[in-house]
Amino acid sequence: GLEGGVFVLWSVAHDFASAAIESAQKEGNKAHTLQHY
């Protein structure tokens, strides 16, 4: 059904994604790294 299929997603480096999450936790939604991500 609709749960299955072919999916595409852009993936950044794990370190970049982690840094975005960390910056959001420390600085909120306006954090530069989160904005860049």
ModelCIF file with pLDDT and N, C-alpha, C, O atoms, coordinates in Angstrom:
data_MODEL
#
_entry.id   MODEL 
#
_entity.id                         1 
_entity.type                       polymer 
_entity.pdbx_number_of_molecules   1 
#
_entity_poly.entity_id                      1 
_entity_poly.type                           'polypeptide(L)' 
_entity_poly.nstd_linkage                   no 
_entity_poly.nstd_monomer                   no 
_entity_poly.pdbx_seq_one_letter_code       GLEGGVFVLWSVAHDFASAAIESAQKEGNKAHTLQHY 
_entity_poly.pdbx_seq_one_letter_code_can   GLEGGVFVLWSVAHDFASAAIESAQKEGNKAHTLQHY 
_entity_poly.pdbx_strand_id                 A 
#
loop_
_entity_poly_seq.entity_id 
_entity_poly_seq.num 
_entity_poly_seq.mon_id 
_entity_poly_seq.hetero 
1 1  GLY n 
1 2  LEU n 
1 3  GLU n 
1 4  GLY n 
1 5  GLY n 
1 6  VAL n 
1 7  PHE n 
1 8  VAL n 
1 9  LEU n 
1 10 TRP n 
1 11 SER n 
1 12 VAL n 
1 13 ALA n 
1 14 HIS n 
1 15 ASP n 
1 16 PHE n 
1 17 ALA n 
1 18 SER n 
1 19 ALA n 
1 20 ALA n 
1 21 ILE n 
1 22 GLU n 
1 23 SER n 
1 24 ALA n 
1 25 GLN n 
1 26 LYS n 
1 27 GLU n 
1 28 GLY n 
1 29 ASN n 
1 30 LYS n 
1 31 ALA n 
1 32 HIS n 
1 33 THR n 
1 34 LEU n 
1 35 GLN n 
1 36 HIS n 
1 37 TYR n 
#
_struct_asym.id          A 
_struct_asym.entity_id   1 
#
loop_
_ma_qa_metric.id 
_ma_qa_metric.mode 
_ma_qa_metric.name 
_ma_qa_metric.software_group_id 
_ma_qa_metric.type 
1 global pLDDT . pLDDT 
2 local  pLDDT . pLDDT 
#
_ma_qa_metric_global.metric_id      1 
_ma_qa_metric_global.metric_value   93.05 
_ma_qa_metric_global.model_id       1 
_ma_qa_metric_global.ordinal_id     1 
#
loop_
_ma_qa_metric_local.label_asym_id 
_ma_qa_metric_local.label_comp_id 
_ma_qa_metric_local.label_seq_id 
_ma_qa_metric_local.metric_id 
_ma_qa_metric_local.metric_value 
_ma_qa_metric_local.model_id 
_ma_qa_metric_local.ordinal_id 
A GLY 1  2 83.00 1 1  
A LEU 2  2 76.00 1 2  
A GLU 3  2 82.00 1 3  
A GLY 4  2 90.00 1 4  
A GLY 5  2 94.00 1 5  
A VAL 6  2 97.00 1 6  
A PHE 7  2 96.00 1 7  
A VAL 8  2 97.00 1 8  
A LEU 9  2 94.00 1 9  
A TRP 10 2 95.00 1 10 
A SER 11 2 92.00 1 11 
A VAL 12 2 93.00 1 12 
A ALA 13 2 93.00 1 13 
A HIS 14 2 91.00 1 14 
A ASP 15 2 94.00 1 15 
A PHE 16 2 95.00 1 16 
A ALA 17 2 93.00 1 17 
A SER 18 2 95.00 1 18 
A ALA 19 2 96.00 1 19 
A ALA 20 2 95.00 1 20 
A ILE 21 2 94.00 1 21 
A GLU 22 2 96.00 1 22 
A SER 23 2 94.00 1 23 
A ALA 24 2 93.00 1 24 
A GLN 25 2 95.00 1 25 
A LYS 26 2 94.00 1 26 
A GLU 27 2 95.00 1 27 
A GLY 28 2 92.00 1 28 
A ASN 29 2 90.00 1 29 
A LYS 30 2 92.00 1 30 
A ALA 31 2 94.00 1 31 
A HIS 32 2 94.00 1 32 
A THR 33 2 96.00 1 33 
A LEU 34 2 95.00 1 34 
A GLN 35 2 96.00 1 35 
A HIS 36 2 97.00 1 36 
A TYR 37 2 95.00 1 37 
#
loop_
_atom_site.group_PDB 
_atom_site.id 
_atom_site.type_symbol 
_atom_site.label_atom_id 
_atom_site.label_alt_id 
_atom_site.label_comp_id 
_atom_site.label_asym_id 
_atom_site.label_entity_id 
_atom_site.label_seq_id 
_atom_site.pdbx_PDB_ins_code 
_atom_site.Cartn_x 
_atom_site.Cartn_y 
_atom_site.Cartn_z 
_atom_site.occupancy 
_atom_site.B_iso_or_equiv 
_atom_site.pdbx_formal_charge 
_atom_site.auth_seq_id 
_atom_site.auth_comp_id 
_atom_site.auth_asym_id 
_atom_site.auth_atom_id 
_atom_site.pdbx_PDB_model_num 
ATOM 1   N N  . GLY A 1 1  ? 0.799  -1.218 0.000  1.00 83.00 ? 1  GLY A N  1 
ATOM 2   C CA . GLY A 1 1  ? 0.000  0.000  0.000  1.00 83.00 ? 1  GLY A CA 1 
ATOM 3   C C  . GLY A 1 1  ? 0.830  1.266  0.000  1.00 83.00 ? 1  GLY A C  1 
ATOM 4   O O  . GLY A 1 1  ? 1.967  1.280  -0.471 1.00 83.00 ? 1  GLY A O  1 
ATOM 5   N N  . LEU A 1 2  ? 0.250  2.331  0.534  1.00 76.00 ? 2  LEU A N  1 
ATOM 6   C CA . LEU A 1 2  ? 0.884  3.642  0.490  1.00 76.00 ? 2  LEU A CA 1 
ATOM 7   C C  . LEU A 1 2  ? 2.117  3.764  1.375  1.00 76.00 ? 2  LEU A C  1 
ATOM 8   O O  . LEU A 1 2  ? 2.911  4.687  1.197  1.00 76.00 ? 2  LEU A O  1 
ATOM 9   N N  . GLU A 1 3  ? 2.292  2.847  2.327  1.00 82.00 ? 3  GLU A N  1 
ATOM 10  C CA . GLU A 1 3  ? 3.485  2.900  3.170  1.00 82.00 ? 3  GLU A CA 1 
ATOM 11  C C  . GLU A 1 3  ? 4.733  2.547  2.374  1.00 82.00 ? 3  GLU A C  1 
ATOM 12  O O  . GLU A 1 3  ? 5.821  3.041  2.669  1.00 82.00 ? 3  GLU A O  1 
ATOM 13  N N  . GLY A 1 4  ? 4.578  1.693  1.364  1.00 90.00 ? 4  GLY A N  1 
ATOM 14  C CA . GLY A 1 4  ? 5.712  1.242  0.576  1.00 90.00 ? 4  GLY A CA 1 
ATOM 15  C C  . GLY A 1 4  ? 5.941  2.107  -0.642 1.00 90.00 ? 4  GLY A C  1 
ATOM 16  O O  . GLY A 1 4  ? 5.168  3.016  -0.941 1.00 90.00 ? 4  GLY A O  1 
ATOM 17  N N  . GLY A 1 5  ? 7.029  1.801  -1.341 1.00 94.00 ? 5  GLY A N  1 
ATOM 18  C CA . GLY A 1 5  ? 7.327  2.519  -2.576 1.00 94.00 ? 5  GLY A CA 1 
ATOM 19  C C  . GLY A 1 5  ? 8.796  2.848  -2.696 1.00 94.00 ? 5  GLY A C  1 
ATOM 20  O O  . GLY A 1 5  ? 9.639  2.317  -1.973 1.00 94.00 ? 5  GLY A O  1 
ATOM 21  N N  . VAL A 1 6  ? 9.083  3.751  -3.642 1.00 97.00 ? 6  VAL A N  1 
ATOM 22  C CA . VAL A 1 6  ? 10.443 4.198  -3.900 1.00 97.00 ? 6  VAL A CA 1 
ATOM 23  C C  . VAL A 1 6  ? 10.577 5.613  -3.334 1.00 97.00 ? 6  VAL A C  1 
ATOM 24  O O  . VAL A 1 6  ? 9.769  6.491  -3.637 1.00 97.00 ? 6  VAL A O  1 
ATOM 25  N N  . PHE A 1 7  ? 11.599 5.823  -2.515 1.00 96.00 ? 7  PHE A N  1 
ATOM 26  C CA . PHE A 1 7  ? 11.776 7.102  -1.830 1.00 96.00 ? 7  PHE A CA 1 
ATOM 27  C C  . PHE A 1 7  ? 13.178 7.652  -2.062 1.00 96.00 ? 7  PHE A C  1 
ATOM 28  O O  . PHE A 1 7  ? 14.148 6.903  -2.176 1.00 96.00 ? 7  PHE A O  1 
ATOM 29  N N  . VAL A 1 8  ? 13.259 8.978  -2.128 1.00 97.00 ? 8  VAL A N  1 
ATOM 30  C CA . VAL A 1 8  ? 14.522 9.687  -2.320 1.00 97.00 ? 8  VAL A CA 1 
ATOM 31  C C  . VAL A 1 8  ? 14.623 10.758 -1.242 1.00 97.00 ? 8  VAL A C  1 
ATOM 32  O O  . VAL A 1 8  ? 13.631 11.391 -0.881 1.00 97.00 ? 8  VAL A O  1 
ATOM 33  N N  . LEU A 1 9  ? 15.826 10.946 -0.739 1.00 94.00 ? 9  LEU A N  1 
ATOM 34  C CA . LEU A 1 9  ? 16.068 11.916 0.332  1.00 94.00 ? 9  LEU A CA 1 
ATOM 35  C C  . LEU A 1 9  ? 17.487 12.444 0.200  1.00 94.00 ? 9  LEU A C  1 
ATOM 36  O O  . LEU A 1 9  ? 18.409 11.678 -0.078 1.00 94.00 ? 9  LEU A O  1 
ATOM 37  N N  . TRP A 1 10 ? 17.673 13.747 0.396  1.00 95.00 ? 10 TRP A N  1 
ATOM 38  C CA . TRP A 1 10 ? 19.020 14.307 0.429  1.00 95.00 ? 10 TRP A CA 1 
ATOM 39  C C  . TRP A 1 10 ? 19.585 14.120 1.825  1.00 95.00 ? 10 TRP A C  1 
ATOM 40  O O  . TRP A 1 10 ? 18.898 14.377 2.814  1.00 95.00 ? 10 TRP A O  1 
ATOM 41  N N  . SER A 1 11 ? 20.821 13.677 1.912  1.00 92.00 ? 11 SER A N  1 
ATOM 42  C CA . SER A 1 11 ? 21.449 13.423 3.202  1.00 92.00 ? 11 SER A CA 1 
ATOM 43  C C  . SER A 1 11 ? 22.764 14.197 3.315  1.00 92.00 ? 11 SER A C  1 
ATOM 44  O O  . SER A 1 11 ? 23.653 14.078 2.472  1.00 92.00 ? 11 SER A O  1 
ATOM 45  N N  . VAL A 1 12 ? 22.857 14.985 4.375  1.00 93.00 ? 12 VAL A N  1 
ATOM 46  C CA . VAL A 1 12 ? 24.109 15.687 4.663  1.00 93.00 ? 12 VAL A CA 1 
ATOM 47  C C  . VAL A 1 12 ? 24.962 14.779 5.548  1.00 93.00 ? 12 VAL A C  1 
ATOM 48  O O  . VAL A 1 12 ? 24.492 13.745 6.022  1.00 93.00 ? 12 VAL A O  1 
ATOM 49  N N  . ALA A 1 13 ? 26.194 15.165 5.762  1.00 93.00 ? 13 ALA A N  1 
ATOM 50  C CA . ALA A 1 13 ? 27.082 14.399 6.639  1.00 93.00 ? 13 ALA A CA 1 
ATOM 51  C C  . ALA A 1 13 ? 26.484 14.330 8.046  1.00 93.00 ? 13 ALA A C  1 
ATOM 52  O O  . ALA A 1 13 ? 25.869 15.286 8.517  1.00 93.00 ? 13 ALA A O  1 
ATOM 53  N N  . HIS A 1 14 ? 26.670 13.203 8.699  1.00 91.00 ? 14 HIS A N  1 
ATOM 54  C CA . HIS A 1 14 ? 26.142 12.994 10.047 1.00 91.00 ? 14 HIS A CA 1 
ATOM 55  C C  . HIS A 1 14 ? 26.643 14.085 11.006 1.00 91.00 ? 14 HIS A C  1 
ATOM 56  O O  . HIS A 1 14 ? 25.880 14.575 11.838 1.00 91.00 ? 14 HIS A O  1 
ATOM 57  N N  . ASP A 1 15 ? 27.920 14.463 10.889 1.00 94.00 ? 15 ASP A N  1 
ATOM 58  C CA . ASP A 1 15 ? 28.482 15.495 11.765 1.00 94.00 ? 15 ASP A CA 1 
ATOM 59  C C  . ASP A 1 15 ? 27.759 16.836 11.596 1.00 94.00 ? 15 ASP A C  1 
ATOM 60  O O  . ASP A 1 15 ? 27.545 17.555 12.572 1.00 94.00 ? 15 ASP A O  1 
ATOM 61  N N  . PHE A 1 16 ? 27.385 17.168 10.362 1.00 95.00 ? 16 PHE A N  1 
ATOM 62  C CA . PHE A 1 16 ? 26.676 18.417 10.087 1.00 95.00 ? 16 PHE A CA 1 
ATOM 63  C C  . PHE A 1 16 ? 25.277 18.380 10.709 1.00 95.00 ? 16 PHE A C  1 
ATOM 64  O O  . PHE A 1 16 ? 24.846 19.349 11.334 1.00 95.00 ? 16 PHE A O  1 
ATOM 65  N N  . ALA A 1 17 ? 24.574 17.265 10.537 1.00 93.00 ? 17 ALA A N  1 
ATOM 66  C CA . ALA A 1 17 ? 23.233 17.122 11.121 1.00 93.00 ? 17 ALA A CA 1 
ATOM 67  C C  . ALA A 1 17 ? 23.305 17.195 12.648 1.00 93.00 ? 17 ALA A C  1 
ATOM 68  O O  . ALA A 1 17 ? 22.469 17.840 13.281 1.00 93.00 ? 17 ALA A O  1 
ATOM 69  N N  . SER A 1 18 ? 24.300 16.536 13.233 1.00 95.00 ? 18 SER A N  1 
ATOM 70  C CA . SER A 1 18 ? 24.471 16.568 14.689 1.00 95.00 ? 18 SER A CA 1 
ATOM 71  C C  . SER A 1 18 ? 24.782 17.971 15.184 1.00 95.00 ? 18 SER A C  1 
ATOM 72  O O  . SER A 1 18 ? 24.261 18.402 16.213 1.00 95.00 ? 18 SER A O  1 
ATOM 73  N N  . ALA A 1 19 ? 25.631 18.685 14.452 1.00 96.00 ? 19 ALA A N  1 
ATOM 74  C CA . ALA A 1 19 ? 25.974 20.053 14.840 1.00 96.00 ? 19 ALA A CA 1 
ATOM 75  C C  . ALA A 1 19 ? 24.741 20.961 14.761 1.00 96.00 ? 19 ALA A C  1 
ATOM 76  O O  . ALA A 1 19 ? 24.588 21.862 15.585 1.00 96.00 ? 19 ALA A O  1 
ATOM 77  N N  . ALA A 1 20 ? 23.876 20.735 13.794 1.00 95.00 ? 20 ALA A N  1 
ATOM 78  C CA . ALA A 1 20 ? 22.652 21.531 13.669 1.00 95.00 ? 20 ALA A CA 1 
ATOM 79  C C  . ALA A 1 20 ? 21.736 21.305 14.865 1.00 95.00 ? 20 ALA A C  1 
ATOM 80  O O  . ALA A 1 20 ? 21.169 22.251 15.410 1.00 95.00 ? 20 ALA A O  1 
ATOM 81  N N  . ILE A 1 21 ? 21.598 20.058 15.265 1.00 94.00 ? 21 ILE A N  1 
ATOM 82  C CA . ILE A 1 21 ? 20.764 19.731 16.430 1.00 94.00 ? 21 ILE A CA 1 
ATOM 83  C C  . ILE A 1 21 ? 21.361 20.349 17.697 1.00 94.00 ? 21 ILE A C  1 
ATOM 84  O O  . ILE A 1 21 ? 20.647 20.945 18.504 1.00 94.00 ? 21 ILE A O  1 
ATOM 85  N N  . GLU A 1 22 ? 22.661 20.203 17.858 1.00 96.00 ? 22 GLU A N  1 
ATOM 86  C CA . GLU A 1 22 ? 23.338 20.755 19.040 1.00 96.00 ? 22 GLU A CA 1 
ATOM 87  C C  . GLU A 1 22 ? 23.213 22.270 19.095 1.00 96.00 ? 22 GLU A C  1 
ATOM 88  O O  . GLU A 1 22 ? 22.978 22.842 20.160 1.00 96.00 ? 22 GLU A O  1 
ATOM 89  N N  . SER A 1 23 ? 23.372 22.918 17.944 1.00 94.00 ? 23 SER A N  1 
ATOM 90  C CA . SER A 1 23 ? 23.264 24.380 17.938 1.00 94.00 ? 23 SER A CA 1 
ATOM 91  C C  . SER A 1 23 ? 21.843 24.833 18.252 1.00 94.00 ? 23 SER A C  1 
ATOM 92  O O  . SER A 1 23 ? 21.646 25.862 18.900 1.00 94.00 ? 23 SER A O  1 
ATOM 93  N N  . ALA A 1 24 ? 20.858 24.073 17.799 1.00 93.00 ? 24 ALA A N  1 
ATOM 94  C CA . ALA A 1 24 ? 19.457 24.406 18.103 1.00 93.00 ? 24 ALA A CA 1 
ATOM 95  C C  . ALA A 1 24 ? 19.181 24.259 19.588 1.00 93.00 ? 24 ALA A C  1 
ATOM 96  O O  . ALA A 1 24 ? 18.457 25.066 20.172 1.00 93.00 ? 24 ALA A O  1 
ATOM 97  N N  . GLN A 1 25 ? 19.751 23.236 20.198 1.00 95.00 ? 25 GLN A N  1 
ATOM 98  C CA . GLN A 1 25 ? 19.555 23.027 21.632 1.00 95.00 ? 25 GLN A CA 1 
ATOM 99  C C  . GLN A 1 25 ? 20.191 24.141 22.459 1.00 95.00 ? 25 GLN A C  1 
ATOM 100 O O  . GLN A 1 25 ? 19.650 24.545 23.489 1.00 95.00 ? 25 GLN A O  1 
ATOM 101 N N  . LYS A 1 26 ? 21.337 24.632 22.006 1.00 94.00 ? 26 LYS A N  1 
ATOM 102 C CA . LYS A 1 26 ? 22.057 25.676 22.745 1.00 94.00 ? 26 LYS A CA 1 
ATOM 103 C C  . LYS A 1 26 ? 21.544 27.082 22.431 1.00 94.00 ? 26 LYS A C  1 
ATOM 104 O O  . LYS A 1 26 ? 21.426 27.924 23.321 1.00 94.00 ? 26 LYS A O  1 
ATOM 105 N N  . GLU A 1 27 ? 21.240 27.325 21.149 1.00 95.00 ? 27 GLU A N  1 
ATOM 106 C CA . GLU A 1 27 ? 20.951 28.691 20.712 1.00 95.00 ? 27 GLU A CA 1 
ATOM 107 C C  . GLU A 1 27 ? 19.524 28.900 20.210 1.00 95.00 ? 27 GLU A C  1 
ATOM 108 O O  . GLU A 1 27 ? 19.126 30.034 19.939 1.00 95.00 ? 27 GLU A O  1 
ATOM 109 N N  . GLY A 1 28 ? 18.757 27.833 20.082 1.00 92.00 ? 28 GLY A N  1 
ATOM 110 C CA . GLY A 1 28 ? 17.388 27.964 19.581 1.00 92.00 ? 28 GLY A CA 1 
ATOM 111 C C  . GLY A 1 28 ? 17.308 27.930 18.061 1.00 92.00 ? 28 GLY A C  1 
ATOM 112 O O  . GLY A 1 28 ? 18.282 27.628 17.373 1.00 92.00 ? 28 GLY A O  1 
ATOM 113 N N  . ASN A 1 29 ? 16.134 28.245 17.563 1.00 90.00 ? 29 ASN A N  1 
ATOM 114 C CA . ASN A 1 29 ? 15.859 28.146 16.125 1.00 90.00 ? 29 ASN A CA 1 
ATOM 115 C C  . ASN A 1 29 ? 16.641 29.135 15.260 1.00 90.00 ? 29 ASN A C  1 
ATOM 116 O O  . ASN A 1 29 ? 16.700 28.970 14.042 1.00 90.00 ? 29 ASN A O  1 
ATOM 117 N N  . LYS A 1 30 ? 17.228 30.137 15.858 1.00 92.00 ? 30 LYS A N  1 
ATOM 118 C CA . LYS A 1 30 ? 17.985 31.144 15.090 1.00 92.00 ? 30 LYS A CA 1 
ATOM 119 C C  . LYS A 1 30 ? 19.462 30.796 14.968 1.00 92.00 ? 30 LYS A C  1 
ATOM 120 O O  . LYS A 1 30 ? 20.228 31.564 14.388 1.00 92.00 ? 30 LYS A O  1 
ATOM 121 N N  . ALA A 1 31 ? 19.869 29.663 15.498 1.00 94.00 ? 31 ALA A N  1 
ATOM 122 C CA . ALA A 1 31 ? 21.282 29.258 15.448 1.00 94.00 ? 31 ALA A CA 1 
ATOM 123 C C  . ALA A 1 31 ? 21.752 29.178 13.992 1.00 94.00 ? 31 ALA A C  1 
ATOM 124 O O  . ALA A 1 31 ? 21.062 28.634 13.130 1.00 94.00 ? 31 ALA A O  1 
ATOM 125 N N  . HIS A 1 32 ? 22.933 29.727 13.742 1.00 94.00 ? 32 HIS A N  1 
ATOM 126 C CA . HIS A 1 32 ? 23.461 29.768 12.373 1.00 94.00 ? 32 HIS A CA 1 
ATOM 127 C C  . HIS A 1 32 ? 23.584 28.366 11.761 1.00 94.00 ? 32 HIS A C  1 
ATOM 128 O O  . HIS A 1 32 ? 23.171 28.158 10.620 1.00 94.00 ? 32 HIS A O  1 
ATOM 129 N N  . THR A 1 33 ? 24.137 27.419 12.490 1.00 96.00 ? 33 THR A N  1 
ATOM 130 C CA . THR A 1 33 ? 24.337 26.070 11.944 1.00 96.00 ? 33 THR A CA 1 
ATOM 131 C C  . THR A 1 33 ? 22.998 25.425 11.604 1.00 96.00 ? 33 THR A C  1 
ATOM 132 O O  . THR A 1 33 ? 22.877 24.748 10.583 1.00 96.00 ? 33 THR A O  1 
ATOM 133 N N  . LEU A 1 34 ? 22.005 25.628 12.445 1.00 95.00 ? 34 LEU A N  1 
ATOM 134 C CA . LEU A 1 34 ? 20.672 25.091 12.164 1.00 95.00 ? 34 LEU A CA 1 
ATOM 135 C C  . LEU A 1 34 ? 20.075 25.758 10.929 1.00 95.00 ? 34 LEU A C  1 
ATOM 136 O O  . LEU A 1 34 ? 19.474 25.088 10.089 1.00 95.00 ? 34 LEU A O  1 
ATOM 137 N N  . GLN A 1 35 ? 20.238 27.064 10.818 1.00 96.00 ? 35 GLN A N  1 
ATOM 138 C CA . GLN A 1 35 ? 19.735 27.791 9.648  1.00 96.00 ? 35 GLN A CA 1 
ATOM 139 C C  . GLN A 1 35 ? 20.414 27.299 8.370  1.00 96.00 ? 35 GLN A C  1 
ATOM 140 O O  . GLN A 1 35 ? 19.762 27.116 7.342  1.00 96.00 ? 35 GLN A O  1 
ATOM 141 N N  . HIS A 1 36 ? 21.711 27.089 8.445  1.00 97.00 ? 36 HIS A N  1 
ATOM 142 C CA . HIS A 1 36 ? 22.461 26.600 7.277  1.00 97.00 ? 36 HIS A CA 1 
ATOM 143 C C  . HIS A 1 36 ? 21.996 25.186 6.895  1.00 97.00 ? 36 HIS A C  1 
ATOM 144 O O  . HIS A 1 36 ? 21.800 24.886 5.717  1.00 97.00 ? 36 HIS A O  1 
ATOM 145 N N  . TYR A 1 37 ? 21.826 24.335 7.894  1.00 95.00 ? 37 TYR A N  1 
ATOM 146 C CA . TYR A 1 37 ? 21.333 22.974 7.656  1.00 95.00 ? 37 TYR A CA 1 
ATOM 147 C C  . TYR A 1 37 ? 19.961 23.016 6.964  1.00 95.00 ? 37 TYR A C  1 
ATOM 148 O O  . TYR A 1 37 ? 19.381 21.968 6.680  1.00 95.00 ? 37 TYR A O  1 
#
